[in-house]
């Protein structure tokens, strides 16, 4: 059984004051329960056998306080052939507590998000059902414009329902369950234009879209990404008439999309923060601060990245890169 040959003050502080002076030359296993001592000794033997180990362990100090330690042990051999262990323990008690709290909050958020989705999808399903009933009712008299509006309402409600489902899967890290398919992105952007038609008209905005490719994507999520970017441009429009332009390039087996505007832009000192959850650039109409966070998550689910173009002199240009596959 090995013995301690040196210990720093932080390690000694775990033990009662009257035990600290007698620590050097002892094994300290007598200070722990039999179960804890067996664990420590087995970890020492494993470190001697494998050369190095790393373990997260909980110990109770002399005051009864639980401490979480990240302990790394390294086996060394002295010049005289004797073997020793170097052990370095980092106190991660606060970090472990935050991690446990984060796991708890994520679990609560998952339950809440599914509850919200359920509450949203029920009225959406009712809208779709009502539209279908009206369309099937022979006594209903609608002109061509009325029929077009009714069909547009049904398509918008169906699209919203699909987007909610896709966003839930994205939030739950269920990338393998997402439906990636070959999709004409020209059609996708026309769907975006239709979904945002009221906002575009109200903002008196010009939306120019270049010719786009057909790509393997999750269409509901990518549609949401472009909608979020355009809505973000509308929120931060300058005094001049807002113009949003979407360009495309194929670069080194990557689809690269540029979404630029002539709005107020994003200050350089805030460009690293805008993708953070709940970050709001300022103003009362900035929403919850989730739009760009969601865009980043969607980009990652496509094995891609979204970033701010750093060479824009006026307005803002967001760059989305996803693999061409």
C-alpha atoms as a PDB file:
ATOM      1  CA  UNK A   1       0.000   0.000   0.000  1.00  0.00           C
ATOM      2  CA  UNK A   2       1.463   3.386  -1.042  1.00  0.00           C
ATOM      3  CA  UNK A   3       1.953   6.403   1.163  1.00  0.00           C
ATOM      4  CA  UNK A   4       1.795  10.167   0.625  1.00  0.00           C
ATOM      5  CA  UNK A   5       5.209  11.793   0.195  1.00  0.00           C
ATOM      6  CA  UNK A   6       4.011  15.351  -0.555  1.00  0.00           C
ATOM      7  CA  UNK A   7       0.675  17.268  -0.598  1.00  0.00           C
ATOM      8  CA  UNK A   8      -0.202  20.912  -1.158  1.00  0.00           C
ATOM      9  CA  UNK A   9      -2.336  23.042   1.155  1.00  0.00           C
ATOM     10  CA  UNK A  10      -5.537  22.616  -0.880  1.00  0.00           C
ATOM     11  CA  UNK A  11      -5.311  18.836  -0.514  1.00  0.00           C
ATOM     12  CA  UNK A  12      -4.533  19.085   3.192  1.00  0.00           C
ATOM     13  CA  UNK A  13      -7.574  21.349   3.719  1.00  0.00           C
ATOM     14  CA  UNK A  14      -9.853  18.359   3.046  1.00  0.00           C
ATOM     15  CA  UNK A  15      -8.673  16.821   6.313  1.00  0.00           C
ATOM     16  CA  UNK A  16      -9.178  17.958   9.901  1.00  0.00           C
ATOM     17  CA  UNK A  17      -6.500  20.378  11.194  1.00  0.00           C
ATOM     18  CA  UNK A  18      -5.100  17.833  13.655  1.00  0.00           C
ATOM     19  CA  UNK A  19      -4.606  15.289  10.835  1.00  0.00           C
ATOM     20  CA  UNK A  20      -2.749  17.531   8.406  1.00  0.00           C
ATOM     21  CA  UNK A  21       0.677  17.478  10.058  1.00  0.00           C
ATOM     22  CA  UNK A  22       0.661  13.668  10.195  1.00  0.00           C
ATOM     23  CA  UNK A  23      -0.430  13.213   6.571  1.00  0.00           C
ATOM     24  CA  UNK A  24       3.026  12.855   5.012  1.00  0.00           C
ATOM     25  CA  UNK A  25       4.141   9.252   5.285  1.00  0.00           C
ATOM     26  CA  UNK A  26       0.587   7.962   5.777  1.00  0.00           C
ATOM     27  CA  UNK A  27      -1.893   6.423   3.354  1.00  0.00           C
ATOM     28  CA  UNK A  28      -4.867   8.540   4.601  1.00  0.00           C
ATOM     29  CA  UNK A  29      -7.204   5.613   3.821  1.00  0.00           C
ATOM     30  CA  UNK A  30      -8.043   5.422   7.498  1.00  0.00           C
ATOM     31  CA  UNK A  31      -9.726   8.819   7.122  1.00  0.00           C
ATOM     32  CA  UNK A  32     -12.312   7.402   4.729  1.00  0.00           C
ATOM     33  CA  UNK A  33     -14.988   4.761   4.839  1.00  0.00           C
ATOM     34  CA  UNK A  34     -14.009   1.263   3.723  1.00  0.00           C
ATOM     35  CA  UNK A  35     -15.922   1.731   0.467  1.00  0.00           C
ATOM     36  CA  UNK A  36     -14.201   5.058  -0.315  1.00  0.00           C
ATOM     37  CA  UNK A  37     -10.794   3.652   0.602  1.00  0.00           C
ATOM     38  CA  UNK A  38     -11.289   0.649  -1.702  1.00  0.00           C
ATOM     39  CA  UNK A  39     -12.227   3.013  -4.538  1.00  0.00           C
ATOM     40  CA  UNK A  40      -9.153   5.223  -4.033  1.00  0.00           C
ATOM     41  CA  UNK A  41      -6.776   2.265  -3.813  1.00  0.00           C
ATOM     42  CA  UNK A  42      -8.255   0.534  -6.853  1.00  0.00           C
ATOM     43  CA  UNK A  43      -7.835   3.785  -8.789  1.00  0.00           C
ATOM     44  CA  UNK A  44      -4.197   3.981  -7.662  1.00  0.00           C
ATOM     45  CA  UNK A  45      -3.586   0.425  -8.863  1.00  0.00           C
ATOM     46  CA  UNK A  46      -5.250   1.199 -12.207  1.00  0.00           C
ATOM     47  CA  UNK A  47      -3.057   4.282 -12.648  1.00  0.00           C
ATOM     48  CA  UNK A  48       0.059   2.203 -11.924  1.00  0.00           C
ATOM     49  CA  UNK A  49      -1.089  -0.399 -14.435  1.00  0.00           C
ATOM     50  CA  UNK A  50      -2.252   1.927 -17.240  1.00  0.00           C
ATOM     51  CA  UNK A  51       0.175   4.799 -16.714  1.00  0.00           C
ATOM     52  CA  UNK A  52      -2.444   7.523 -16.294  1.00  0.00           C
ATOM     53  CA  UNK A  53      -6.100   7.815 -15.251  1.00  0.00           C
ATOM     54  CA  UNK A  54      -8.802  10.448 -14.945  1.00  0.00           C
ATOM     55  CA  UNK A  55     -11.875  10.203 -12.754  1.00  0.00           C
ATOM     56  CA  UNK A  56     -14.577  12.435 -11.296  1.00  0.00           C
ATOM     57  CA  UNK A  57     -15.065  11.583  -7.639  1.00  0.00           C
ATOM     58  CA  UNK A  58     -16.982  12.877  -4.660  1.00  0.00           C
ATOM     59  CA  UNK A  59     -15.330  13.177  -1.255  1.00  0.00           C
ATOM     60  CA  UNK A  60     -16.516  14.556   2.061  1.00  0.00           C
ATOM     61  CA  UNK A  61     -14.159  16.963   3.802  1.00  0.00           C
ATOM     62  CA  UNK A  62     -13.626  17.136   7.547  1.00  0.00           C
ATOM     63  CA  UNK A  63     -16.565  19.586   7.941  1.00  0.00           C
ATOM     64  CA  UNK A  64     -18.996  17.202   6.219  1.00  0.00           C
ATOM     65  CA  UNK A  65     -19.133  19.201   2.992  1.00  0.00           C
ATOM     66  CA  UNK A  66     -19.329  17.188  -0.238  1.00  0.00           C
ATOM     67  CA  UNK A  67     -16.638  18.100  -2.757  1.00  0.00           C
ATOM     68  CA  UNK A  68     -16.550  17.026  -6.393  1.00  0.00           C
ATOM     69  CA  UNK A  69     -13.030  16.506  -7.722  1.00  0.00           C
ATOM     70  CA  UNK A  70     -11.643  15.870 -11.177  1.00  0.00           C
ATOM     71  CA  UNK A  71      -8.617  13.740 -10.340  1.00  0.00           C
ATOM     72  CA  UNK A  72      -5.841  12.887 -12.768  1.00  0.00           C
ATOM     73  CA  UNK A  73      -3.117  10.431 -11.777  1.00  0.00           C
ATOM     74  CA  UNK A  74       0.172   9.809 -13.570  1.00  0.00           C
ATOM     75  CA  UNK A  75       2.543   6.923 -12.851  1.00  0.00           C
ATOM     76  CA  UNK A  76       6.272   7.795 -12.898  1.00  0.00           C
ATOM     77  CA  UNK A  77       9.455   5.844 -12.262  1.00  0.00           C
ATOM     78  CA  UNK A  78      12.311   7.402 -10.297  1.00  0.00           C
ATOM     79  CA  UNK A  79      15.987   7.030 -11.167  1.00  0.00           C
ATOM     80  CA  UNK A  80      16.339   4.325  -8.509  1.00  0.00           C
ATOM     81  CA  UNK A  81      13.534   2.307 -10.117  1.00  0.00           C
ATOM     82  CA  UNK A  82      10.901   3.127  -7.508  1.00  0.00           C
ATOM     83  CA  UNK A  83       7.414   3.869  -8.824  1.00  0.00           C
ATOM     84  CA  UNK A  84       5.384   6.846  -7.700  1.00  0.00           C
ATOM     85  CA  UNK A  85       2.013   8.400  -8.501  1.00  0.00           C
ATOM     86  CA  UNK A  86       1.453  12.081  -9.141  1.00  0.00           C
ATOM     87  CA  UNK A  87      -2.158  13.012  -8.436  1.00  0.00           C
ATOM     88  CA  UNK A  88      -3.728  16.356  -9.339  1.00  0.00           C
ATOM     89  CA  UNK A  89      -7.289  17.037  -8.214  1.00  0.00           C
ATOM     90  CA  UNK A  90      -9.267  20.023  -9.476  1.00  0.00           C
ATOM     91  CA  UNK A  91     -12.203  21.177  -7.363  1.00  0.00           C
ATOM     92  CA  UNK A  92     -15.157  21.194  -9.782  1.00  0.00           C
ATOM     93  CA  UNK A  93     -17.877  21.320  -7.121  1.00  0.00           C
ATOM     94  CA  UNK A  94     -19.435  24.529  -8.475  1.00  0.00           C
ATOM     95  CA  UNK A  95     -19.112  23.347 -12.080  1.00  0.00           C
ATOM     96  CA  UNK A  96     -20.721  19.996 -11.252  1.00  0.00           C
ATOM     97  CA  UNK A  97     -23.593  21.770  -9.492  1.00  0.00           C
ATOM     98  CA  UNK A  98     -24.133  24.005 -12.528  1.00  0.00           C
ATOM     99  CA  UNK A  99     -24.052  20.964 -14.804  1.00  0.00           C
ATOM    100  CA  UNK A 100     -26.668  19.177 -12.703  1.00  0.00           C
ATOM    101  CA  UNK A 101     -28.813  22.317 -12.745  1.00  0.00           C
ATOM    102  CA  UNK A 102     -28.417  22.597 -16.522  1.00  0.00           C
ATOM    103  CA  UNK A 103     -29.468  18.974 -17.006  1.00  0.00           C
ATOM    104  CA  UNK A 104     -32.504  19.627 -14.823  1.00  0.00           C
ATOM    105  CA  UNK A 105     -33.412  22.804 -16.726  1.00  0.00           C
ATOM    106  CA  UNK A 106     -32.977  21.065 -20.076  1.00  0.00           C
ATOM    107  CA  UNK A 107     -35.323  18.302 -18.946  1.00  0.00           C
ATOM    108  CA  UNK A 108     -37.875  20.896 -17.833  1.00  0.00           C
ATOM    109  CA  UNK A 109     -37.444  22.812 -21.103  1.00  0.00           C
ATOM    110  CA  UNK A 110     -38.021  19.639 -23.116  1.00  0.00           C
ATOM    111  CA  UNK A 111     -41.270  18.965 -21.262  1.00  0.00           C
ATOM    112  CA  UNK A 112     -42.320  22.607 -21.645  1.00  0.00           C
ATOM    113  CA  UNK A 113     -41.482  22.741 -25.366  1.00  0.00           C
ATOM    114  CA  UNK A 114     -43.506  19.613 -26.062  1.00  0.00           C
ATOM    115  CA  UNK A 115     -46.381  21.074 -24.048  1.00  0.00           C
ATOM    116  CA  UNK A 116     -46.230  24.331 -26.028  1.00  0.00           C
ATOM    117  CA  UNK A 117     -46.015  22.397 -29.292  1.00  0.00           C
ATOM    118  CA  UNK A 118     -49.083  20.392 -28.312  1.00  0.00           C
ATOM    119  CA  UNK A 119     -50.967  23.586 -27.446  1.00  0.00           C
ATOM    120  CA  UNK A 120     -49.969  25.142 -30.783  1.00  0.00           C
ATOM    121  CA  UNK A 121     -50.587  22.142 -33.002  1.00  0.00           C
ATOM    122  CA  UNK A 122     -54.128  21.560 -31.742  1.00  0.00           C
ATOM    123  CA  UNK A 123     -55.528  24.898 -33.012  1.00  0.00           C
ATOM    124  CA  UNK A 124     -53.461  24.555 -36.198  1.00  0.00           C
ATOM    125  CA  UNK A 125     -55.043  21.148 -36.799  1.00  0.00           C
ATOM    126  CA  UNK A 126     -58.446  22.752 -36.196  1.00  0.00           C
ATOM    127  CA  UNK A 127     -57.694  25.413 -38.825  1.00  0.00           C
ATOM    128  CA  UNK A 128     -56.672  22.770 -41.375  1.00  0.00           C
ATOM    129  CA  UNK A 129     -59.767  20.713 -40.573  1.00  0.00           C
ATOM    130  CA  UNK A 130     -62.054  23.758 -40.895  1.00  0.00           C
ATOM    131  CA  UNK A 131     -60.543  24.666 -44.260  1.00  0.00           C
ATOM    132  CA  UNK A 132     -61.029  21.110 -45.519  1.00  0.00           C
ATOM    133  CA  UNK A 133     -64.676  21.140 -44.376  1.00  0.00           C
ATOM    134  CA  UNK A 134     -65.322  24.432 -46.186  1.00  0.00           C
ATOM    135  CA  UNK A 135     -63.692  23.109 -49.357  1.00  0.00           C
ATOM    136  CA  UNK A 136     -65.786  19.922 -49.281  1.00  0.00           C
ATOM    137  CA  UNK A 137     -69.054  21.696 -48.454  1.00  0.00           C
ATOM    138  CA  UNK A 138     -71.021  21.825 -51.694  1.00  0.00           C
ATOM    139  CA  UNK A 139     -73.153  24.697 -50.390  1.00  0.00           C
ATOM    140  CA  UNK A 140     -70.104  26.944 -49.970  1.00  0.00           C
ATOM    141  CA  UNK A 141     -69.815  29.492 -52.756  1.00  0.00           C
ATOM    142  CA  UNK A 142     -66.360  30.921 -53.250  1.00  0.00           C
ATOM    143  CA  UNK A 143     -64.840  32.867 -56.097  1.00  0.00           C
ATOM    144  CA  UNK A 144     -61.432  32.000 -57.521  1.00  0.00           C
ATOM    145  CA  UNK A 145     -59.686  34.472 -55.201  1.00  0.00           C
ATOM    146  CA  UNK A 146     -61.529  33.033 -52.195  1.00  0.00           C
ATOM    147  CA  UNK A 147     -60.451  29.520 -53.164  1.00  0.00           C
ATOM    148  CA  UNK A 148     -56.845  30.682 -53.538  1.00  0.00           C
ATOM    149  CA  UNK A 149     -56.902  32.364 -50.121  1.00  0.00           C
ATOM    150  CA  UNK A 150     -58.419  29.249 -48.548  1.00  0.00           C
ATOM    151  CA  UNK A 151     -55.759  27.001 -50.094  1.00  0.00           C
ATOM    152  CA  UNK A 152     -53.017  29.416 -49.021  1.00  0.00           C
ATOM    153  CA  UNK A 153     -54.386  29.329 -45.475  1.00  0.00           C
ATOM    154  CA  UNK A 154     -54.324  25.523 -45.484  1.00  0.00           C
ATOM    155  CA  UNK A 155     -50.763  25.402 -46.846  1.00  0.00           C
ATOM    156  CA  UNK A 156     -49.525  27.967 -44.311  1.00  0.00           C
ATOM    157  CA  UNK A 157     -51.113  26.085 -41.408  1.00  0.00           C
ATOM    158  CA  UNK A 158     -49.677  22.775 -42.636  1.00  0.00           C
ATOM    159  CA  UNK A 159     -46.249  24.351 -43.065  1.00  0.00           C
ATOM    160  CA  UNK A 160     -46.383  25.819 -39.557  1.00  0.00           C
ATOM    161  CA  UNK A 161     -47.304  22.424 -38.116  1.00  0.00           C
ATOM    162  CA  UNK A 162     -44.391  20.782 -39.947  1.00  0.00           C
ATOM    163  CA  UNK A 163     -42.016  23.517 -38.784  1.00  0.00           C
ATOM    164  CA  UNK A 164     -43.030  23.028 -35.154  1.00  0.00           C
ATOM    165  CA  UNK A 165     -42.352  19.294 -35.441  1.00  0.00           C
ATOM    166  CA  UNK A 166     -38.970  19.884 -37.096  1.00  0.00           C
ATOM    167  CA  UNK A 167     -37.945  22.514 -34.540  1.00  0.00           C
ATOM    168  CA  UNK A 168     -38.831  20.169 -31.690  1.00  0.00           C
ATOM    169  CA  UNK A 169     -36.620  17.473 -33.180  1.00  0.00           C
ATOM    170  CA  UNK A 170     -33.834  19.998 -33.607  1.00  0.00           C
ATOM    171  CA  UNK A 171     -34.157  21.139 -29.987  1.00  0.00           C
ATOM    172  CA  UNK A 172     -34.057  17.507 -28.849  1.00  0.00           C
ATOM    173  CA  UNK A 173     -30.859  16.807 -30.843  1.00  0.00           C
ATOM    174  CA  UNK A 174     -32.686  14.231 -32.927  1.00  0.00           C
ATOM    175  CA  UNK A 175     -30.766  14.951 -36.129  1.00  0.00           C
ATOM    176  CA  UNK A 176     -31.003  11.311 -37.177  1.00  0.00           C
ATOM    177  CA  UNK A 177     -34.805  11.564 -37.137  1.00  0.00           C
ATOM    178  CA  UNK A 178     -34.964  14.665 -39.326  1.00  0.00           C
ATOM    179  CA  UNK A 179     -36.165  14.236 -42.908  1.00  0.00           C
ATOM    180  CA  UNK A 180     -33.352  15.380 -45.195  1.00  0.00           C
ATOM    181  CA  UNK A 181     -34.385  15.370 -48.839  1.00  0.00           C
ATOM    182  CA  UNK A 182     -33.416  16.825 -52.203  1.00  0.00           C
ATOM    183  CA  UNK A 183     -35.284  20.132 -52.433  1.00  0.00           C
ATOM    184  CA  UNK A 184     -35.406  22.960 -54.962  1.00  0.00           C
ATOM    185  CA  UNK A 185     -34.359  25.973 -52.910  1.00  0.00           C
ATOM    186  CA  UNK A 186     -35.948  28.346 -55.421  1.00  0.00           C
ATOM    187  CA  UNK A 187     -39.294  26.865 -54.391  1.00  0.00           C
ATOM    188  CA  UNK A 188     -38.281  27.044 -50.729  1.00  0.00           C
ATOM    189  CA  UNK A 189     -37.532  30.783 -50.992  1.00  0.00           C
ATOM    190  CA  UNK A 190     -40.850  31.376 -52.751  1.00  0.00           C
ATOM    191  CA  UNK A 191     -42.507  29.661 -49.772  1.00  0.00           C
ATOM    192  CA  UNK A 192     -40.555  31.977 -47.474  1.00  0.00           C
ATOM    193  CA  UNK A 193     -41.676  34.976 -49.519  1.00  0.00           C
ATOM    194  CA  UNK A 194     -45.299  33.820 -49.263  1.00  0.00           C
ATOM    195  CA  UNK A 195     -45.107  33.172 -45.503  1.00  0.00           C
ATOM    196  CA  UNK A 196     -43.633  36.634 -44.905  1.00  0.00           C
ATOM    197  CA  UNK A 197     -45.740  38.446 -47.502  1.00  0.00           C
ATOM    198  CA  UNK A 198     -47.602  40.526 -44.912  1.00  0.00           C
ATOM    199  CA  UNK A 199     -44.386  41.538 -43.115  1.00  0.00           C
ATOM    200  CA  UNK A 200     -42.639  42.302 -46.421  1.00  0.00           C
ATOM    201  CA  UNK A 201     -45.530  44.482 -47.563  1.00  0.00           C
ATOM    202  CA  UNK A 202     -45.749  46.307 -44.229  1.00  0.00           C
ATOM    203  CA  UNK A 203     -41.997  46.977 -44.221  1.00  0.00           C
ATOM    204  CA  UNK A 204     -42.139  48.137 -47.871  1.00  0.00           C
ATOM    205  CA  UNK A 205     -39.178  45.869 -48.446  1.00  0.00           C
ATOM    206  CA  UNK A 206     -37.584  44.618 -51.651  1.00  0.00           C
ATOM    207  CA  UNK A 207     -36.487  40.963 -51.609  1.00  0.00           C
ATOM    208  CA  UNK A 208     -34.126  39.911 -54.400  1.00  0.00           C
ATOM    209  CA  UNK A 209     -33.195  36.227 -54.672  1.00  0.00           C
ATOM    210  CA  UNK A 210     -30.585  34.847 -57.079  1.00  0.00           C
ATOM    211  CA  UNK A 211     -30.956  31.502 -58.811  1.00  0.00           C
ATOM    212  CA  UNK A 212     -30.538  28.814 -56.148  1.00  0.00           C
ATOM    213  CA  UNK A 213     -29.602  25.122 -56.378  1.00  0.00           C
ATOM    214  CA  UNK A 214     -31.409  21.939 -55.501  1.00  0.00           C
ATOM    215  CA  UNK A 215     -29.809  20.683 -52.273  1.00  0.00           C
ATOM    216  CA  UNK A 216     -30.194  17.925 -49.692  1.00  0.00           C
ATOM    217  CA  UNK A 217     -31.719  19.712 -46.703  1.00  0.00           C
ATOM    218  CA  UNK A 218     -34.413  19.513 -44.050  1.00  0.00           C
ATOM    219  CA  UNK A 219     -36.786  21.912 -45.847  1.00  0.00           C
ATOM    220  CA  UNK A 220     -38.871  22.879 -42.813  1.00  0.00           C
ATOM    221  CA  UNK A 221     -35.776  23.874 -40.863  1.00  0.00           C
ATOM    222  CA  UNK A 222     -34.011  25.648 -43.724  1.00  0.00           C
ATOM    223  CA  UNK A 223     -37.213  27.551 -44.514  1.00  0.00           C
ATOM    224  CA  UNK A 224     -37.292  28.660 -40.869  1.00  0.00           C
ATOM    225  CA  UNK A 225     -33.646  29.747 -41.065  1.00  0.00           C
ATOM    226  CA  UNK A 226     -34.210  32.022 -44.066  1.00  0.00           C
ATOM    227  CA  UNK A 227     -37.413  33.388 -42.523  1.00  0.00           C
ATOM    228  CA  UNK A 228     -35.541  34.224 -39.314  1.00  0.00           C
ATOM    229  CA  UNK A 229     -32.787  36.022 -41.235  1.00  0.00           C
ATOM    230  CA  UNK A 230     -35.248  38.081 -43.286  1.00  0.00           C
ATOM    231  CA  UNK A 231     -37.327  38.909 -40.191  1.00  0.00           C
ATOM    232  CA  UNK A 232     -34.104  39.984 -38.475  1.00  0.00           C
ATOM    233  CA  UNK A 233     -33.395  42.355 -41.377  1.00  0.00           C
ATOM    234  CA  UNK A 234     -36.906  43.802 -41.084  1.00  0.00           C
ATOM    235  CA  UNK A 235     -36.446  44.409 -37.345  1.00  0.00           C
ATOM    236  CA  UNK A 236     -33.210  46.301 -37.945  1.00  0.00           C
ATOM    237  CA  UNK A 237     -34.162  48.270 -41.048  1.00  0.00           C
ATOM    238  CA  UNK A 238     -32.618  51.717 -41.488  1.00  0.00           C
ATOM    239  CA  UNK A 239     -34.448  54.841 -42.632  1.00  0.00           C
ATOM    240  CA  UNK A 240     -33.911  54.038 -46.318  1.00  0.00           C
ATOM    241  CA  UNK A 241     -36.117  51.527 -48.136  1.00  0.00           C
ATOM    242  CA  UNK A 242     -35.084  48.076 -46.957  1.00  0.00           C
ATOM    243  CA  UNK A 243     -33.491  45.825 -49.562  1.00  0.00           C
ATOM    244  CA  UNK A 244     -32.646  42.194 -48.756  1.00  0.00           C
ATOM    245  CA  UNK A 245     -30.587  40.259 -51.297  1.00  0.00           C
ATOM    246  CA  UNK A 246     -29.825  36.534 -51.302  1.00  0.00           C
ATOM    247  CA  UNK A 247     -26.841  35.400 -53.388  1.00  0.00           C
ATOM    248  CA  UNK A 248     -25.444  31.904 -53.871  1.00  0.00           C
ATOM    249  CA  UNK A 249     -22.091  30.313 -54.754  1.00  0.00           C
ATOM    250  CA  UNK A 250     -20.761  26.762 -54.898  1.00  0.00           C
ATOM    251  CA  UNK A 251     -17.303  26.853 -53.289  1.00  0.00           C
ATOM    252  CA  UNK A 252     -15.165  23.757 -52.620  1.00  0.00           C
ATOM    253  CA  UNK A 253     -18.113  21.346 -52.382  1.00  0.00           C
ATOM    254  CA  UNK A 254     -20.034  23.764 -50.172  1.00  0.00           C
ATOM    255  CA  UNK A 255     -23.306  25.558 -50.815  1.00  0.00           C
ATOM    256  CA  UNK A 256     -22.666  29.146 -49.712  1.00  0.00           C
ATOM    257  CA  UNK A 257     -25.608  31.523 -49.258  1.00  0.00           C
ATOM    258  CA  UNK A 258     -25.225  35.252 -48.620  1.00  0.00           C
ATOM    259  CA  UNK A 259     -28.182  37.046 -47.037  1.00  0.00           C
ATOM    260  CA  UNK A 260     -27.424  40.767 -47.077  1.00  0.00           C
ATOM    261  CA  UNK A 261     -29.382  43.915 -46.271  1.00  0.00           C
ATOM    262  CA  UNK A 262     -28.923  47.673 -46.108  1.00  0.00           C
ATOM    263  CA  UNK A 263     -30.120  47.957 -42.510  1.00  0.00           C
ATOM    264  CA  UNK A 264     -28.407  49.225 -39.388  1.00  0.00           C
ATOM    265  CA  UNK A 265     -25.938  46.333 -39.337  1.00  0.00           C
ATOM    266  CA  UNK A 266     -24.378  44.604 -36.336  1.00  0.00           C
ATOM    267  CA  UNK A 267     -21.628  46.438 -34.407  1.00  0.00           C
ATOM    268  CA  UNK A 268     -18.314  44.596 -34.447  1.00  0.00           C
ATOM    269  CA  UNK A 269     -18.277  44.311 -30.653  1.00  0.00           C
ATOM    270  CA  UNK A 270     -21.594  42.418 -30.717  1.00  0.00           C
ATOM    271  CA  UNK A 271     -20.907  39.988 -33.556  1.00  0.00           C
ATOM    272  CA  UNK A 272     -19.752  37.196 -31.257  1.00  0.00           C
ATOM    273  CA  UNK A 273     -22.787  37.661 -29.002  1.00  0.00           C
ATOM    274  CA  UNK A 274     -25.670  37.689 -31.489  1.00  0.00           C
ATOM    275  CA  UNK A 275     -25.783  33.888 -31.756  1.00  0.00           C
ATOM    276  CA  UNK A 276     -26.031  33.464 -27.986  1.00  0.00           C
ATOM    277  CA  UNK A 277     -29.335  32.302 -26.602  1.00  0.00           C
ATOM    278  CA  UNK A 278     -31.600  35.160 -25.420  1.00  0.00           C
ATOM    279  CA  UNK A 279     -29.156  37.861 -26.552  1.00  0.00           C
ATOM    280  CA  UNK A 280     -30.989  40.969 -27.741  1.00  0.00           C
ATOM    281  CA  UNK A 281     -29.229  43.772 -29.549  1.00  0.00           C
ATOM    282  CA  UNK A 282     -31.413  46.450 -28.014  1.00  0.00           C
ATOM    283  CA  UNK A 283     -34.841  47.942 -28.455  1.00  0.00           C
ATOM    284  CA  UNK A 284     -38.232  46.755 -27.283  1.00  0.00           C
ATOM    285  CA  UNK A 285     -39.118  44.864 -30.456  1.00  0.00           C
ATOM    286  CA  UNK A 286     -36.144  42.506 -30.547  1.00  0.00           C
ATOM    287  CA  UNK A 287     -38.232  39.490 -29.546  1.00  0.00           C
ATOM    288  CA  UNK A 288     -36.806  36.813 -27.268  1.00  0.00           C
ATOM    289  CA  UNK A 289     -33.291  36.831 -28.683  1.00  0.00           C
ATOM    290  CA  UNK A 290     -33.612  33.321 -30.111  1.00  0.00           C
ATOM    291  CA  UNK A 291     -33.829  33.941 -33.873  1.00  0.00           C
ATOM    292  CA  UNK A 292     -30.118  33.730 -34.691  1.00  0.00           C
ATOM    293  CA  UNK A 293     -29.556  31.029 -32.070  1.00  0.00           C
ATOM    294  CA  UNK A 294     -32.116  28.896 -33.896  1.00  0.00           C
ATOM    295  CA  UNK A 295     -30.419  29.690 -37.227  1.00  0.00           C
ATOM    296  CA  UNK A 296     -27.090  28.518 -35.848  1.00  0.00           C
ATOM    297  CA  UNK A 297     -28.644  25.308 -34.534  1.00  0.00           C
ATOM    298  CA  UNK A 298     -30.264  24.619 -37.917  1.00  0.00           C
ATOM    299  CA  UNK A 299     -26.936  25.232 -39.685  1.00  0.00           C
ATOM    300  CA  UNK A 300     -25.201  22.766 -37.353  1.00  0.00           C
ATOM    301  CA  UNK A 301     -27.884  20.142 -37.997  1.00  0.00           C
ATOM    302  CA  UNK A 302     -26.977  20.465 -41.688  1.00  0.00           C
ATOM    303  CA  UNK A 303     -23.266  19.988 -40.776  1.00  0.00           C
ATOM    304  CA  UNK A 304     -22.818  23.616 -41.708  1.00  0.00           C
ATOM    305  CA  UNK A 305     -22.045  26.964 -40.169  1.00  0.00           C
ATOM    306  CA  UNK A 306     -23.561  30.445 -40.187  1.00  0.00           C
ATOM    307  CA  UNK A 307     -21.449  33.521 -39.612  1.00  0.00           C
ATOM    308  CA  UNK A 308     -21.398  37.266 -40.098  1.00  0.00           C
ATOM    309  CA  UNK A 309     -19.504  38.508 -43.138  1.00  0.00           C
ATOM    310  CA  UNK A 310     -16.810  40.821 -41.762  1.00  0.00           C
ATOM    311  CA  UNK A 311     -16.260  42.867 -44.928  1.00  0.00           C
ATOM    312  CA  UNK A 312     -19.626  44.599 -45.112  1.00  0.00           C
ATOM    313  CA  UNK A 313     -19.395  48.400 -44.928  1.00  0.00           C
ATOM    314  CA  UNK A 314     -23.135  48.969 -44.666  1.00  0.00           C
ATOM    315  CA  UNK A 315     -25.934  46.812 -43.318  1.00  0.00           C
ATOM    316  CA  UNK A 316     -25.418  43.166 -42.482  1.00  0.00           C
ATOM    317  CA  UNK A 317     -24.517  40.051 -44.462  1.00  0.00           C
ATOM    318  CA  UNK A 318     -25.048  36.603 -42.966  1.00  0.00           C
ATOM    319  CA  UNK A 319     -23.202  33.716 -44.638  1.00  0.00           C
ATOM    320  CA  UNK A 320     -24.574  30.168 -44.489  1.00  0.00           C
ATOM    321  CA  UNK A 321     -22.321  27.283 -45.527  1.00  0.00           C
ATOM    322  CA  UNK A 322     -23.608  23.706 -45.824  1.00  0.00           C
ATOM    323  CA  UNK A 323     -22.032  20.680 -47.530  1.00  0.00           C
ATOM    324  CA  UNK A 324     -23.045  19.992 -51.125  1.00  0.00           C
ATOM    325  CA  UNK A 325     -24.096  16.356 -50.973  1.00  0.00           C
END
